Amino acid sequence: MTRSLAGAVLLALAACQQSAETPAAEQASESLAPSPEGSASATPAALASFSVLEERENPDRVLAWFSQQLADGKWDDAALAWRKGSMDGAKLKALMGDAPGPIFAFGHGEVEGAAGSLYYQLPVTLVADGGKVTRQGTLTMKRVNDVPGAEDWQLAWHIERLEWAQ
C-alpha cells in the first residue's frame, strides 16, 4: 500500500468516526524522526535530530511516529515507543495480528493526571490487508510528571498498553 493510499484510508476512517481525529493521524505521513542508535536505518545526522521518543508535550507526535514505523515495516523501531523494555518487534508484530501493511487511525483522546503521572487514552483502529479494518481498541500512553529522580524515558510520552476490543 503506498503512502498516499494509506493517507486516503486514514481520512476515510476519520470521516466514518464520530469523534474528532487527532493530529497524530494527520502527521502520520510526515517524516518525524529517524531511527535511534542501534537501528539499521540510523545515520550520524539522523541521530543528531532524533527527538520524537523524548517528547514530553505532545503524545500525538509519538503516535504519528509509531504509526509511520509500522506502515514502513520497522517493527523494532515502532516497539521503541512502548514502555522501556516492555516490547520488541516480534511481540509487536504478534500483537498486531501479523497484519500486512498496518496503518493506525486514532480517535480523540484526553490527557488526565493521576498520582504524579499523566495518561493519554484514545480509541485506535488498525487498518491492514489492503484497507480492511481489522481491529479496534484502546491505546494508553503515559508519562510521569517532573518527579525528582525520574528517568528520561519516564518523563517522555510512551505507550503503556494497547487493548483490542473482543
N, C-alpha and C. Protein backbone atom coordinates (compact mmCIF):
# COMPACT_ATOMS: atom_id res chain seq x y z
N MET A 1 0.86 -1.18 0.00
CA MET A 1 0.00 0.00 0.00
C MET A 1 0.90 1.23 0.00
N THR A 2 0.70 2.17 -0.90
CA THR A 2 1.51 3.37 -0.95
C THR A 2 1.09 4.32 0.16
N ARG A 3 1.99 5.28 0.42
CA ARG A 3 1.68 6.24 1.49
C ARG A 3 0.46 7.08 1.16
N SER A 4 0.29 7.44 -0.13
CA SER A 4 -0.89 8.24 -0.47
C SER A 4 -2.17 7.44 -0.27
N LEU A 5 -2.14 6.15 -0.60
CA LEU A 5 -3.31 5.31 -0.35
C LEU A 5 -3.52 5.15 1.16
N ALA A 6 -2.41 5.02 1.88
CA ALA A 6 -2.52 4.90 3.34
C ALA A 6 -3.17 6.16 3.91
N GLY A 7 -2.77 7.33 3.41
CA GLY A 7 -3.38 8.57 3.87
C GLY A 7 -4.87 8.62 3.55
N ALA A 8 -5.23 8.13 2.37
CA ALA A 8 -6.64 8.12 1.99
C ALA A 8 -7.45 7.20 2.90
N VAL A 9 -6.86 6.07 3.27
CA VAL A 9 -7.54 5.15 4.18
C VAL A 9 -7.76 5.82 5.53
N LEU A 10 -6.73 6.51 6.03
CA LEU A 10 -6.87 7.21 7.30
C LEU A 10 -7.97 8.27 7.23
N LEU A 11 -7.99 9.02 6.14
CA LEU A 11 -9.02 10.05 6.00
C LEU A 11 -10.41 9.44 5.91
N ALA A 12 -10.53 8.33 5.21
CA ALA A 12 -11.83 7.66 5.10
C ALA A 12 -12.30 7.18 6.46
N LEU A 13 -11.38 6.63 7.23
CA LEU A 13 -11.74 6.17 8.57
C LEU A 13 -12.17 7.35 9.45
N ALA A 14 -11.45 8.44 9.32
CA ALA A 14 -11.77 9.61 10.13
C ALA A 14 -13.18 10.11 9.81
N ALA A 15 -13.54 10.07 8.54
CA ALA A 15 -14.87 10.53 8.13
C ALA A 15 -15.96 9.63 8.70
N CYS A 16 -15.62 8.35 8.89
CA CYS A 16 -16.60 7.39 9.41
C CYS A 16 -16.75 7.47 10.92
N GLN A 17 -15.74 7.99 11.59
CA GLN A 17 -15.78 8.03 13.04
C GLN A 17 -16.55 9.25 13.53
N GLN A 18 -17.23 9.11 14.64
CA GLN A 18 -17.96 10.22 15.23
C GLN A 18 -17.01 11.20 15.91
N SER A 19 -15.94 10.68 16.53
CA SER A 19 -15.04 11.54 17.29
C SER A 19 -14.06 12.23 16.36
N ALA A 20 -13.51 13.33 16.83
CA ALA A 20 -12.55 14.10 16.06
C ALA A 20 -11.23 13.34 15.95
N GLU A 21 -10.59 13.47 14.81
CA GLU A 21 -9.31 12.82 14.59
C GLU A 21 -8.21 13.65 15.25
N THR A 22 -7.23 12.99 15.84
CA THR A 22 -6.13 13.70 16.48
C THR A 22 -5.11 14.10 15.44
N PRO A 23 -4.24 15.04 15.79
CA PRO A 23 -3.17 15.41 14.88
C PRO A 23 -2.26 14.23 14.55
N ALA A 24 -2.26 13.18 15.35
CA ALA A 24 -1.39 12.03 15.08
C ALA A 24 -1.67 11.44 13.72
N ALA A 25 -2.92 11.29 13.36
CA ALA A 25 -3.24 10.71 12.06
C ALA A 25 -2.87 11.66 10.94
N GLU A 26 -3.03 12.96 11.18
CA GLU A 26 -2.67 13.94 10.17
C GLU A 26 -1.17 13.96 9.95
N GLN A 27 -0.40 13.72 11.00
CA GLN A 27 1.05 13.78 10.91
C GLN A 27 1.66 12.46 10.50
N ALA A 28 0.88 11.40 10.36
CA ALA A 28 1.43 10.07 10.13
C ALA A 28 2.27 9.99 8.88
N SER A 29 1.99 10.79 7.87
CA SER A 29 2.76 10.70 6.65
C SER A 29 4.02 11.55 6.68
N GLU A 30 4.19 12.38 7.69
CA GLU A 30 5.39 13.17 7.81
C GLU A 30 6.56 12.31 8.22
N SER A 31 7.74 12.72 7.82
CA SER A 31 8.94 12.06 8.30
C SER A 31 9.32 12.74 9.60
N LEU A 32 8.95 12.15 10.72
CA LEU A 32 9.12 12.82 12.01
C LEU A 32 10.49 12.66 12.61
N ALA A 33 11.00 11.46 12.62
CA ALA A 33 12.30 11.24 13.25
C ALA A 33 12.91 9.96 12.72
N PRO A 34 14.20 9.97 12.59
CA PRO A 34 14.87 8.75 12.16
C PRO A 34 14.97 7.76 13.30
N SER A 35 15.42 6.57 12.98
CA SER A 35 15.55 5.52 13.97
C SER A 35 16.68 5.83 14.94
N PRO A 36 16.56 5.40 16.21
CA PRO A 36 17.58 5.65 17.20
C PRO A 36 18.81 4.78 16.97
N GLU A 37 19.86 5.07 17.73
CA GLU A 37 21.10 4.31 17.60
C GLU A 37 20.84 2.82 17.76
N GLY A 38 21.64 2.03 17.07
CA GLY A 38 21.47 0.59 17.12
C GLY A 38 20.54 0.09 16.04
N SER A 39 19.83 0.99 15.40
CA SER A 39 18.91 0.60 14.34
C SER A 39 19.65 0.59 13.02
N ALA A 40 19.28 -0.33 12.14
CA ALA A 40 19.94 -0.44 10.86
C ALA A 40 19.79 0.81 10.01
N SER A 41 18.73 1.61 10.24
CA SER A 41 18.50 2.79 9.42
C SER A 41 19.06 4.07 10.02
N ALA A 42 19.79 3.98 11.12
CA ALA A 42 20.33 5.16 11.78
C ALA A 42 21.59 5.65 11.09
N THR A 43 21.73 6.98 10.99
CA THR A 43 22.94 7.62 10.48
C THR A 43 23.34 8.67 11.50
N PRO A 44 24.60 9.14 11.48
CA PRO A 44 25.01 10.18 12.44
C PRO A 44 24.12 11.42 12.36
N ALA A 45 23.78 11.86 11.14
CA ALA A 45 22.91 13.03 11.01
C ALA A 45 21.53 12.75 11.57
N ALA A 46 21.02 11.54 11.32
CA ALA A 46 19.70 11.17 11.81
C ALA A 46 19.69 11.14 13.33
N LEU A 47 20.74 10.60 13.92
CA LEU A 47 20.82 10.52 15.38
C LEU A 47 20.82 11.90 16.02
N ALA A 48 21.45 12.86 15.37
CA ALA A 48 21.52 14.21 15.91
C ALA A 48 20.13 14.84 16.00
N SER A 49 19.21 14.48 15.09
CA SER A 49 17.88 15.08 15.11
C SER A 49 16.84 14.20 15.78
N PHE A 50 17.24 13.04 16.28
CA PHE A 50 16.30 12.10 16.89
C PHE A 50 15.74 12.70 18.18
N SER A 51 14.42 12.92 18.23
CA SER A 51 13.83 13.51 19.42
C SER A 51 12.42 13.05 19.72
N VAL A 52 11.75 12.42 18.79
CA VAL A 52 10.33 12.12 18.98
C VAL A 52 10.10 11.23 20.20
N LEU A 53 11.01 10.32 20.51
CA LEU A 53 10.82 9.44 21.66
C LEU A 53 11.22 10.12 22.97
N GLU A 54 11.60 11.37 22.89
CA GLU A 54 11.87 12.18 24.08
C GLU A 54 10.77 13.22 24.31
N GLU A 55 9.69 13.10 23.53
CA GLU A 55 8.59 14.07 23.56
C GLU A 55 7.91 14.10 24.93
N ARG A 56 7.81 15.30 25.50
CA ARG A 56 7.17 15.47 26.81
C ARG A 56 5.89 16.28 26.74
N GLU A 57 5.64 16.92 25.61
CA GLU A 57 4.48 17.80 25.50
C GLU A 57 3.32 17.18 24.73
N ASN A 58 3.60 16.63 23.55
CA ASN A 58 2.54 16.22 22.63
C ASN A 58 2.58 14.71 22.37
N PRO A 59 1.72 13.94 23.02
CA PRO A 59 1.73 12.49 22.79
C PRO A 59 1.36 12.11 21.36
N ASP A 60 0.61 12.96 20.66
CA ASP A 60 0.23 12.67 19.28
C ASP A 60 1.45 12.59 18.37
N ARG A 61 2.48 13.31 18.69
CA ARG A 61 3.70 13.27 17.89
C ARG A 61 4.33 11.87 17.97
N VAL A 62 4.34 11.28 19.15
CA VAL A 62 4.87 9.93 19.33
C VAL A 62 4.00 8.93 18.56
N LEU A 63 2.69 9.10 18.64
CA LEU A 63 1.77 8.20 17.94
C LEU A 63 1.94 8.27 16.43
N ALA A 64 2.14 9.47 15.90
CA ALA A 64 2.35 9.61 14.46
C ALA A 64 3.63 8.90 14.04
N TRP A 65 4.68 9.05 14.82
CA TRP A 65 5.94 8.37 14.54
C TRP A 65 5.77 6.85 14.62
N PHE A 66 5.09 6.39 15.66
CA PHE A 66 4.82 4.96 15.85
C PHE A 66 4.06 4.39 14.64
N SER A 67 3.02 5.09 14.24
CA SER A 67 2.21 4.65 13.11
C SER A 67 3.04 4.59 11.83
N GLN A 68 3.90 5.58 11.63
CA GLN A 68 4.74 5.60 10.43
C GLN A 68 5.72 4.44 10.43
N GLN A 69 6.29 4.12 11.59
CA GLN A 69 7.22 2.99 11.67
C GLN A 69 6.51 1.69 11.31
N LEU A 70 5.29 1.52 11.79
CA LEU A 70 4.52 0.32 11.45
C LEU A 70 4.24 0.26 9.95
N ALA A 71 3.81 1.38 9.39
CA ALA A 71 3.50 1.42 7.97
C ALA A 71 4.72 1.10 7.12
N ASP A 72 5.90 1.48 7.62
CA ASP A 72 7.15 1.22 6.91
C ASP A 72 7.72 -0.16 7.19
N GLY A 73 7.04 -0.94 8.04
CA GLY A 73 7.52 -2.27 8.38
C GLY A 73 8.70 -2.29 9.34
N LYS A 74 8.90 -1.20 10.07
CA LYS A 74 10.02 -1.09 11.02
C LYS A 74 9.52 -1.47 12.42
N TRP A 75 9.26 -2.76 12.61
CA TRP A 75 8.67 -3.26 13.84
C TRP A 75 9.54 -2.98 15.06
N ASP A 76 10.84 -3.21 14.95
CA ASP A 76 11.74 -2.97 16.09
C ASP A 76 11.77 -1.49 16.47
N ASP A 77 11.78 -0.62 15.47
CA ASP A 77 11.76 0.81 15.76
C ASP A 77 10.43 1.21 16.41
N ALA A 78 9.31 0.71 15.87
CA ALA A 78 8.00 1.03 16.43
C ALA A 78 7.91 0.59 17.89
N ALA A 79 8.53 -0.53 18.21
CA ALA A 79 8.50 -1.05 19.59
C ALA A 79 9.17 -0.10 20.58
N LEU A 80 10.04 0.78 20.10
CA LEU A 80 10.71 1.73 20.98
C LEU A 80 9.74 2.76 21.58
N ALA A 81 8.56 2.91 21.00
CA ALA A 81 7.57 3.85 21.52
C ALA A 81 6.88 3.32 22.77
N TRP A 82 7.11 2.06 23.10
CA TRP A 82 6.49 1.43 24.27
C TRP A 82 7.31 1.66 25.52
N ARG A 83 6.68 1.39 26.65
CA ARG A 83 7.35 1.46 27.94
C ARG A 83 8.68 0.72 27.84
N LYS A 84 9.73 1.32 28.36
CA LYS A 84 11.10 0.80 28.22
C LYS A 84 11.19 -0.70 28.53
N GLY A 85 11.68 -1.44 27.54
CA GLY A 85 11.92 -2.86 27.72
C GLY A 85 10.70 -3.75 27.68
N SER A 86 9.52 -3.19 27.46
CA SER A 86 8.30 -4.00 27.52
C SER A 86 7.88 -4.57 26.17
N MET A 87 8.50 -4.11 25.09
CA MET A 87 8.06 -4.53 23.76
C MET A 87 9.27 -4.69 22.85
N ASP A 88 9.18 -5.64 21.94
CA ASP A 88 10.16 -5.77 20.87
C ASP A 88 9.40 -5.97 19.56
N GLY A 89 10.12 -5.97 18.46
CA GLY A 89 9.48 -6.07 17.16
C GLY A 89 8.64 -7.31 16.98
N ALA A 90 9.14 -8.46 17.45
CA ALA A 90 8.39 -9.72 17.29
C ALA A 90 7.10 -9.70 18.09
N LYS A 91 7.16 -9.21 19.34
CA LYS A 91 5.95 -9.15 20.18
C LYS A 91 4.95 -8.17 19.59
N LEU A 92 5.45 -7.05 19.08
CA LEU A 92 4.58 -6.04 18.50
C LEU A 92 3.88 -6.59 17.25
N LYS A 93 4.62 -7.28 16.43
CA LYS A 93 4.03 -7.86 15.22
C LYS A 93 2.93 -8.86 15.59
N ALA A 94 3.17 -9.66 16.63
CA ALA A 94 2.15 -10.61 17.10
C ALA A 94 0.93 -9.89 17.65
N LEU A 95 1.15 -8.79 18.38
CA LEU A 95 0.04 -8.01 18.93
C LEU A 95 -0.83 -7.43 17.83
N MET A 96 -0.21 -7.09 16.72
CA MET A 96 -0.95 -6.54 15.58
C MET A 96 -1.59 -7.64 14.74
N GLY A 97 -1.43 -8.88 15.15
CA GLY A 97 -2.02 -9.99 14.40
C GLY A 97 -1.27 -10.26 13.12
N ASP A 98 0.01 -9.85 13.08
CA ASP A 98 0.85 -10.05 11.90
C ASP A 98 0.17 -9.51 10.65
N ALA A 99 -0.57 -8.41 10.84
CA ALA A 99 -1.33 -7.80 9.74
C ALA A 99 -0.40 -7.20 8.70
N PRO A 100 -0.63 -7.48 7.42
CA PRO A 100 0.21 -6.89 6.37
C PRO A 100 -0.13 -5.41 6.17
N GLY A 101 0.90 -4.57 6.09
CA GLY A 101 0.72 -3.15 5.84
C GLY A 101 -0.13 -2.43 6.86
N PRO A 102 0.16 -2.58 8.17
CA PRO A 102 -0.70 -1.97 9.18
C PRO A 102 -0.61 -0.44 9.20
N ILE A 103 -1.77 0.18 9.36
CA ILE A 103 -1.88 1.62 9.50
C ILE A 103 -2.83 1.87 10.67
N PHE A 104 -2.50 2.85 11.49
CA PHE A 104 -3.36 3.18 12.62
C PHE A 104 -4.13 4.47 12.34
N ALA A 105 -5.38 4.48 12.72
CA ALA A 105 -6.19 5.69 12.76
C ALA A 105 -6.51 5.92 14.23
N PHE A 106 -6.33 7.15 14.67
CA PHE A 106 -6.52 7.47 16.08
C PHE A 106 -7.74 8.34 16.27
N GLY A 107 -8.51 8.03 17.29
CA GLY A 107 -9.64 8.85 17.67
C GLY A 107 -9.19 9.98 18.58
N HIS A 108 -10.12 10.67 19.17
CA HIS A 108 -9.82 11.79 20.07
C HIS A 108 -9.49 11.26 21.46
N GLY A 109 -8.41 11.75 22.03
CA GLY A 109 -8.02 11.36 23.38
C GLY A 109 -7.92 12.55 24.30
N GLU A 110 -7.91 12.29 25.57
CA GLU A 110 -7.79 13.33 26.59
C GLU A 110 -6.63 12.98 27.52
N VAL A 111 -5.86 13.98 27.91
CA VAL A 111 -4.80 13.80 28.89
C VAL A 111 -5.40 13.97 30.28
N GLU A 112 -5.15 13.00 31.14
CA GLU A 112 -5.64 13.07 32.52
C GLU A 112 -4.49 12.80 33.47
N GLY A 113 -4.52 13.44 34.63
CA GLY A 113 -3.48 13.26 35.62
C GLY A 113 -3.91 12.34 36.74
N ALA A 114 -2.91 11.61 37.29
CA ALA A 114 -3.18 10.72 38.41
C ALA A 114 -1.87 10.40 39.13
N ALA A 115 -1.79 10.73 40.40
CA ALA A 115 -0.67 10.34 41.27
C ALA A 115 0.71 10.55 40.64
N GLY A 116 0.98 11.75 40.17
CA GLY A 116 2.31 12.07 39.65
C GLY A 116 2.54 11.66 38.20
N SER A 117 1.53 11.14 37.53
CA SER A 117 1.67 10.73 36.14
C SER A 117 0.55 11.32 35.30
N LEU A 118 0.80 11.42 34.02
CA LEU A 118 -0.21 11.83 33.05
C LEU A 118 -0.50 10.64 32.16
N TYR A 119 -1.78 10.45 31.83
CA TYR A 119 -2.21 9.36 30.97
C TYR A 119 -2.96 9.94 29.78
N TYR A 120 -2.79 9.33 28.64
CA TYR A 120 -3.47 9.73 27.42
C TYR A 120 -4.08 8.47 26.84
N GLN A 121 -5.42 8.41 26.86
CA GLN A 121 -6.13 7.22 26.39
C GLN A 121 -6.99 7.62 25.20
N LEU A 122 -6.95 6.80 24.13
CA LEU A 122 -7.71 7.12 22.95
C LEU A 122 -8.06 5.85 22.18
N PRO A 123 -9.16 5.92 21.42
CA PRO A 123 -9.53 4.77 20.59
C PRO A 123 -8.61 4.68 19.37
N VAL A 124 -8.32 3.45 18.96
CA VAL A 124 -7.49 3.24 17.78
C VAL A 124 -8.18 2.22 16.86
N THR A 125 -7.93 2.37 15.59
CA THR A 125 -8.41 1.42 14.59
C THR A 125 -7.20 0.99 13.78
N LEU A 126 -7.02 -0.32 13.66
CA LEU A 126 -5.95 -0.88 12.85
C LEU A 126 -6.52 -1.21 11.47
N VAL A 127 -5.92 -0.66 10.45
CA VAL A 127 -6.30 -0.91 9.07
C VAL A 127 -5.15 -1.66 8.43
N ALA A 128 -5.44 -2.76 7.76
CA ALA A 128 -4.39 -3.54 7.12
C ALA A 128 -4.96 -4.32 5.95
N ASP A 129 -4.11 -5.09 5.34
CA ASP A 129 -4.53 -6.01 4.29
C ASP A 129 -5.36 -5.31 3.22
N GLY A 130 -4.79 -4.27 2.63
CA GLY A 130 -5.46 -3.59 1.53
C GLY A 130 -6.59 -2.66 1.93
N GLY A 131 -6.59 -2.17 3.15
CA GLY A 131 -7.59 -1.20 3.58
C GLY A 131 -8.72 -1.74 4.42
N LYS A 132 -8.67 -3.00 4.81
CA LYS A 132 -9.71 -3.57 5.66
C LYS A 132 -9.46 -3.19 7.12
N VAL A 133 -10.51 -2.81 7.81
CA VAL A 133 -10.41 -2.57 9.24
C VAL A 133 -10.33 -3.94 9.90
N THR A 134 -9.22 -4.17 10.59
CA THR A 134 -9.04 -5.50 11.16
C THR A 134 -9.25 -5.53 12.67
N ARG A 135 -8.99 -4.40 13.33
CA ARG A 135 -9.16 -4.38 14.79
C ARG A 135 -9.45 -2.97 15.28
N GLN A 136 -10.18 -2.92 16.41
CA GLN A 136 -10.41 -1.66 17.11
C GLN A 136 -10.08 -1.88 18.57
N GLY A 137 -9.59 -0.85 19.20
CA GLY A 137 -9.23 -0.99 20.61
C GLY A 137 -8.94 0.35 21.26
N THR A 138 -8.24 0.27 22.39
CA THR A 138 -7.89 1.45 23.16
C THR A 138 -6.40 1.44 23.43
N LEU A 139 -5.76 2.55 23.17
CA LEU A 139 -4.33 2.70 23.41
C LEU A 139 -4.15 3.67 24.58
N THR A 140 -3.25 3.34 25.50
CA THR A 140 -2.97 4.19 26.64
C THR A 140 -1.49 4.57 26.64
N MET A 141 -1.25 5.86 26.73
CA MET A 141 0.12 6.38 26.84
C MET A 141 0.30 6.95 28.24
N LYS A 142 1.55 7.08 28.63
CA LYS A 142 1.85 7.57 29.98
C LYS A 142 3.15 8.36 29.96
N ARG A 143 3.23 9.30 30.87
CA ARG A 143 4.49 9.97 31.21
C ARG A 143 4.37 10.41 32.65
N VAL A 144 5.47 10.37 33.37
CA VAL A 144 5.44 10.88 34.73
C VAL A 144 5.65 12.38 34.68
N ASN A 145 5.08 13.07 35.66
CA ASN A 145 5.32 14.50 35.77
C ASN A 145 6.77 14.69 36.20
N ASP A 146 7.19 15.90 36.32
CA ASP A 146 8.59 16.17 36.66
C ASP A 146 8.89 15.78 38.10
N VAL A 147 8.96 14.48 38.31
CA VAL A 147 9.21 13.91 39.62
C VAL A 147 10.71 13.78 39.81
N PRO A 148 11.26 14.26 40.93
CA PRO A 148 12.69 14.10 41.16
C PRO A 148 13.10 12.63 41.10
N GLY A 149 14.19 12.36 40.38
CA GLY A 149 14.69 11.00 40.28
C GLY A 149 14.11 10.21 39.12
N ALA A 150 13.13 10.77 38.39
CA ALA A 150 12.55 10.06 37.24
C ALA A 150 13.57 10.00 36.11
N GLU A 151 13.60 8.87 35.44
CA GLU A 151 14.49 8.71 34.30
C GLU A 151 13.91 9.42 33.09
N ASP A 152 14.78 9.76 32.13
CA ASP A 152 14.34 10.48 30.94
C ASP A 152 13.20 9.76 30.21
N TRP A 153 13.29 8.44 30.06
CA TRP A 153 12.25 7.72 29.33
C TRP A 153 10.92 7.80 30.07
N GLN A 154 10.94 7.91 31.40
CA GLN A 154 9.70 8.01 32.17
C GLN A 154 9.05 9.37 32.00
N LEU A 155 9.86 10.39 31.77
CA LEU A 155 9.36 11.75 31.59
C LEU A 155 8.78 11.99 30.19
N ALA A 156 9.12 11.12 29.26
CA ALA A 156 8.65 11.24 27.88
C ALA A 156 7.38 10.40 27.70
N TRP A 157 6.55 10.83 26.76
CA TRP A 157 5.35 10.06 26.43
C TRP A 157 5.76 8.73 25.83
N HIS A 158 5.16 7.65 26.31
CA HIS A 158 5.41 6.32 25.77
C HIS A 158 4.11 5.51 25.86
N ILE A 159 4.03 4.51 25.00
CA ILE A 159 2.84 3.66 25.01
C ILE A 159 2.93 2.72 26.20
N GLU A 160 1.89 2.72 26.97
CA GLU A 160 1.82 1.86 28.16
C GLU A 160 1.15 0.53 27.82
N ARG A 161 0.06 0.61 27.03
CA ARG A 161 -0.65 -0.62 26.66
C ARG A 161 -1.59 -0.36 25.49
N LEU A 162 -1.91 -1.47 24.82
CA LEU A 162 -2.87 -1.46 23.73
C LEU A 162 -3.79 -2.65 23.96
N GLU A 163 -5.08 -2.37 24.08
CA GLU A 163 -6.06 -3.43 24.33
C GLU A 163 -7.04 -3.45 23.17
N TRP A 164 -7.18 -4.62 22.56
CA TRP A 164 -8.11 -4.79 21.45
C TRP A 164 -9.49 -5.16 21.99
N ALA A 165 -10.53 -4.60 21.38
CA ALA A 165 -11.90 -4.99 21.71
C ALA A 165 -12.12 -6.42 21.22
N GLN A 166 -12.87 -7.18 21.97
CA GLN A 166 -13.09 -8.60 21.58
C GLN A 166 -14.22 -8.75 20.64
